[in-house]
């Protein structure tokens, strides 16, 4: 039997196995809790996005960034304590 025929047989077996064995949808307790929390409090999503914009979604000041990078002090490779 040639190598190509073996590959074809394996592919056919894999497709039969995946279609005959249904996958159980798993959802963790944490995911279930968060989904139910958002379902009970739909305004929570807006609050979440607003809080995110305070800390993460803001414009970067490139001059300040370059000043911060210049002020870094190089650390020695290994320090004895």
N, C-alpha and C. Protein backbone atom coordinates (compact mmCIF):
# COMPACT_ATOMS: atom_id res chain seq x y z
N UNK A 1 0.86 -1.17 0.00
CA UNK A 1 0.00 0.00 0.00
C UNK A 1 0.90 1.24 0.00
N UNK A 2 0.60 2.17 -0.84
CA UNK A 2 1.45 3.35 -0.96
C UNK A 2 1.15 4.35 0.16
N UNK A 3 2.07 5.26 0.32
CA UNK A 3 1.96 6.28 1.36
C UNK A 3 0.75 7.18 1.15
N UNK A 4 0.46 7.53 -0.08
CA UNK A 4 -0.69 8.39 -0.38
C UNK A 4 -2.01 7.71 -0.04
N UNK A 5 -2.08 6.41 -0.30
CA UNK A 5 -3.31 5.68 0.03
C UNK A 5 -3.51 5.63 1.54
N UNK A 6 -2.43 5.47 2.28
CA UNK A 6 -2.54 5.46 3.74
C UNK A 6 -3.04 6.81 4.25
N UNK A 7 -2.52 7.89 3.69
CA UNK A 7 -2.97 9.22 4.08
C UNK A 7 -4.46 9.42 3.80
N UNK A 8 -4.90 8.94 2.67
CA UNK A 8 -6.33 9.07 2.32
C UNK A 8 -7.19 8.28 3.30
N UNK A 9 -6.74 7.10 3.66
CA UNK A 9 -7.50 6.28 4.62
C UNK A 9 -7.56 6.98 5.97
N UNK A 10 -6.45 7.54 6.41
CA UNK A 10 -6.43 8.24 7.70
C UNK A 10 -7.36 9.45 7.68
N UNK A 11 -7.34 10.21 6.59
CA UNK A 11 -8.23 11.37 6.49
C UNK A 11 -9.69 10.94 6.53
N UNK A 12 -10.01 9.86 5.85
CA UNK A 12 -11.39 9.36 5.86
C UNK A 12 -11.80 8.92 7.26
N UNK A 13 -10.91 8.25 7.96
CA UNK A 13 -11.22 7.82 9.32
C UNK A 13 -11.42 9.01 10.25
N UNK A 14 -10.58 10.01 10.11
CA UNK A 14 -10.72 11.20 10.95
C UNK A 14 -12.05 11.90 10.72
N UNK A 15 -12.46 12.00 9.47
CA UNK A 15 -13.72 12.67 9.18
C UNK A 15 -14.90 11.88 9.74
N UNK A 16 -14.82 10.54 9.68
CA UNK A 16 -15.90 9.71 10.24
C UNK A 16 -15.95 9.84 11.75
N UNK A 17 -14.80 9.87 12.39
CA UNK A 17 -14.77 9.98 13.84
C UNK A 17 -15.32 11.32 14.29
N UNK A 18 -14.93 12.39 13.64
CA UNK A 18 -15.39 13.71 14.05
C UNK A 18 -16.88 13.91 13.83
N UNK A 19 -17.46 13.23 12.83
CA UNK A 19 -18.89 13.40 12.58
C UNK A 19 -19.73 12.46 13.44
N UNK A 20 -19.16 11.34 13.85
CA UNK A 20 -19.95 10.40 14.63
C UNK A 20 -19.90 10.69 16.12
N UNK A 21 -18.88 11.37 16.58
CA UNK A 21 -18.76 11.68 18.00
C UNK A 21 -19.05 13.15 18.23
N UNK A 22 -20.23 13.47 18.73
CA UNK A 22 -20.54 14.88 18.95
C UNK A 22 -19.72 15.44 20.10
N UNK A 23 -19.31 16.68 19.94
CA UNK A 23 -18.55 17.34 20.99
C UNK A 23 -19.51 17.94 22.01
N UNK A 24 -19.15 17.77 23.27
CA UNK A 24 -19.96 18.36 24.32
C UNK A 24 -19.54 19.81 24.50
N UNK A 25 -20.50 20.72 24.44
CA UNK A 25 -20.12 22.13 24.63
C UNK A 25 -19.80 22.37 26.10
N UNK A 26 -18.55 22.70 26.38
CA UNK A 26 -18.12 22.95 27.75
C UNK A 26 -18.09 24.44 28.00
N UNK A 27 -18.61 24.83 29.14
CA UNK A 27 -18.56 26.22 29.55
C UNK A 27 -18.20 26.26 31.02
N UNK A 28 -17.15 26.96 31.36
CA UNK A 28 -16.68 27.00 32.74
C UNK A 28 -17.67 27.76 33.62
N UNK A 29 -17.52 27.57 34.92
CA UNK A 29 -18.38 28.27 35.87
C UNK A 29 -18.17 29.78 35.79
N UNK A 30 -16.94 30.18 35.56
CA UNK A 30 -16.64 31.61 35.46
C UNK A 30 -17.32 32.23 34.25
N UNK A 31 -17.26 31.54 33.11
CA UNK A 31 -17.91 32.04 31.90
C UNK A 31 -19.42 32.12 32.10
N UNK A 32 -19.99 31.12 32.71
CA UNK A 32 -21.42 31.11 32.98
C UNK A 32 -21.81 32.28 33.88
N UNK A 33 -20.99 32.51 34.91
CA UNK A 33 -21.27 33.62 35.83
C UNK A 33 -21.21 34.96 35.11
N UNK A 34 -20.18 35.18 34.30
CA UNK A 34 -20.02 36.46 33.61
C UNK A 34 -21.15 36.68 32.62
N UNK A 35 -21.54 35.64 31.89
CA UNK A 35 -22.66 35.78 30.95
C UNK A 35 -23.95 36.13 31.68
N UNK A 36 -24.22 35.46 32.81
CA UNK A 36 -25.44 35.76 33.55
C UNK A 36 -25.39 37.16 34.16
N UNK A 37 -24.20 37.59 34.57
CA UNK A 37 -24.04 38.93 35.12
C UNK A 37 -24.35 39.99 34.07
N UNK A 38 -23.85 39.82 32.86
CA UNK A 38 -24.12 40.77 31.79
C UNK A 38 -25.58 40.70 31.34
N UNK A 39 -26.18 39.53 31.45
CA UNK A 39 -27.60 39.42 31.07
C UNK A 39 -28.48 40.15 32.08
N UNK A 40 -28.13 40.06 33.38
CA UNK A 40 -28.91 40.73 34.42
C UNK A 40 -28.68 42.24 34.41
N UNK A 41 -27.45 42.66 34.10
CA UNK A 41 -27.09 44.08 34.13
C UNK A 41 -26.53 44.51 32.77
N UNK A 42 -27.38 44.83 31.80
CA UNK A 42 -26.87 45.20 30.48
C UNK A 42 -26.06 46.50 30.48
N UNK A 43 -26.30 47.38 31.46
CA UNK A 43 -25.55 48.63 31.52
C UNK A 43 -24.10 48.40 31.97
N UNK A 44 -23.81 47.23 32.47
CA UNK A 44 -22.46 46.90 32.94
C UNK A 44 -21.45 46.92 31.79
N UNK A 45 -21.88 46.56 30.60
CA UNK A 45 -20.98 46.56 29.44
C UNK A 45 -20.51 47.99 29.12
N UNK A 46 -21.44 48.93 29.21
CA UNK A 46 -21.06 50.33 28.96
C UNK A 46 -20.09 50.84 30.02
N UNK A 47 -20.33 50.47 31.27
CA UNK A 47 -19.42 50.87 32.35
C UNK A 47 -18.04 50.24 32.14
N UNK A 48 -18.02 49.03 31.69
CA UNK A 48 -16.76 48.34 31.45
C UNK A 48 -15.95 49.04 30.35
N UNK A 49 -16.62 49.42 29.26
CA UNK A 49 -15.94 50.10 28.17
C UNK A 49 -15.46 51.49 28.60
N UNK A 50 -16.25 52.17 29.42
CA UNK A 50 -15.85 53.49 29.90
C UNK A 50 -14.62 53.37 30.80
N UNK A 51 -14.60 52.40 31.68
CA UNK A 51 -13.45 52.20 32.57
C UNK A 51 -12.21 51.80 31.77
N UNK A 52 -12.40 51.04 30.74
CA UNK A 52 -11.27 50.65 29.90
C UNK A 52 -10.68 51.87 29.20
N UNK A 53 -11.53 52.76 28.75
CA UNK A 53 -11.03 53.94 28.04
C UNK A 53 -10.24 54.86 28.96
N UNK A 54 -10.53 54.83 30.26
CA UNK A 54 -9.78 55.66 31.20
C UNK A 54 -8.33 55.19 31.27
N UNK A 55 -8.13 53.87 31.32
CA UNK A 55 -6.78 53.34 31.54
C UNK A 55 -6.04 52.97 30.27
N UNK A 56 -6.73 52.49 29.24
CA UNK A 56 -6.02 51.90 28.12
C UNK A 56 -6.20 52.64 26.80
N UNK A 57 -7.39 53.07 26.50
CA UNK A 57 -7.67 53.65 25.18
C UNK A 57 -7.44 55.16 25.20
N UNK A 58 -6.19 55.54 25.16
CA UNK A 58 -5.89 56.97 25.13
C UNK A 58 -4.70 57.21 24.21
N UNK A 59 -4.61 58.46 23.79
CA UNK A 59 -3.54 58.83 22.87
C UNK A 59 -2.19 58.80 23.59
N UNK A 60 -1.16 58.43 22.85
CA UNK A 60 0.19 58.37 23.40
C UNK A 60 0.94 59.65 23.05
N UNK A 61 1.65 60.17 24.03
CA UNK A 61 2.50 61.33 23.81
C UNK A 61 3.90 60.82 23.48
N UNK A 62 4.31 60.97 22.22
CA UNK A 62 5.57 60.39 21.78
C UNK A 62 6.79 61.06 22.40
N UNK A 63 6.71 62.37 22.67
CA UNK A 63 7.86 63.03 23.29
C UNK A 63 8.04 62.55 24.73
N UNK A 64 6.94 62.39 25.43
CA UNK A 64 7.02 61.87 26.80
C UNK A 64 7.56 60.44 26.80
N UNK A 65 7.12 59.67 25.85
CA UNK A 65 7.58 58.28 25.73
C UNK A 65 9.08 58.22 25.46
N UNK A 66 9.57 59.07 24.57
CA UNK A 66 11.01 59.06 24.27
C UNK A 66 11.81 59.54 25.48
N UNK A 67 11.29 60.51 26.24
CA UNK A 67 11.97 60.95 27.46
C UNK A 67 12.05 59.82 28.49
N UNK A 68 10.98 59.06 28.61
CA UNK A 68 10.99 57.93 29.54
C UNK A 68 12.02 56.88 29.13
N UNK A 69 12.11 56.61 27.85
CA UNK A 69 13.07 55.62 27.37
C UNK A 69 14.51 56.09 27.58
N UNK A 70 14.75 57.39 27.43
CA UNK A 70 16.09 57.92 27.64
C UNK A 70 16.50 57.87 29.11
N UNK A 71 15.52 57.98 30.00
CA UNK A 71 15.83 58.04 31.43
C UNK A 71 16.06 56.67 32.05
N UNK A 72 15.87 55.61 31.30
CA UNK A 72 16.10 54.27 31.84
C UNK A 72 17.58 54.07 32.17
N UNK A 73 17.82 53.45 33.30
CA UNK A 73 19.19 53.13 33.72
C UNK A 73 19.41 51.66 33.42
N UNK A 74 20.51 51.37 32.72
CA UNK A 74 20.77 49.97 32.39
C UNK A 74 21.16 49.21 33.65
N UNK A 75 20.62 48.04 33.77
CA UNK A 75 20.85 47.21 34.94
C UNK A 75 22.03 46.30 34.68
N UNK A 76 22.81 46.05 35.72
CA UNK A 76 23.94 45.14 35.60
C UNK A 76 23.39 43.73 35.38
N UNK A 77 24.14 42.88 34.66
CA UNK A 77 23.64 41.55 34.34
C UNK A 77 23.32 40.68 35.55
N UNK A 78 24.13 40.80 36.63
CA UNK A 78 23.89 39.97 37.79
C UNK A 78 24.33 40.73 39.03
N UNK A 79 23.48 40.74 40.02
CA UNK A 79 23.81 41.45 41.25
C UNK A 79 23.91 40.46 42.40
N UNK A 80 24.92 40.64 43.20
CA UNK A 80 25.08 39.80 44.40
C UNK A 80 24.44 40.51 45.58
N UNK A 81 23.73 39.75 46.37
CA UNK A 81 23.09 40.31 47.57
C UNK A 81 23.71 39.71 48.81
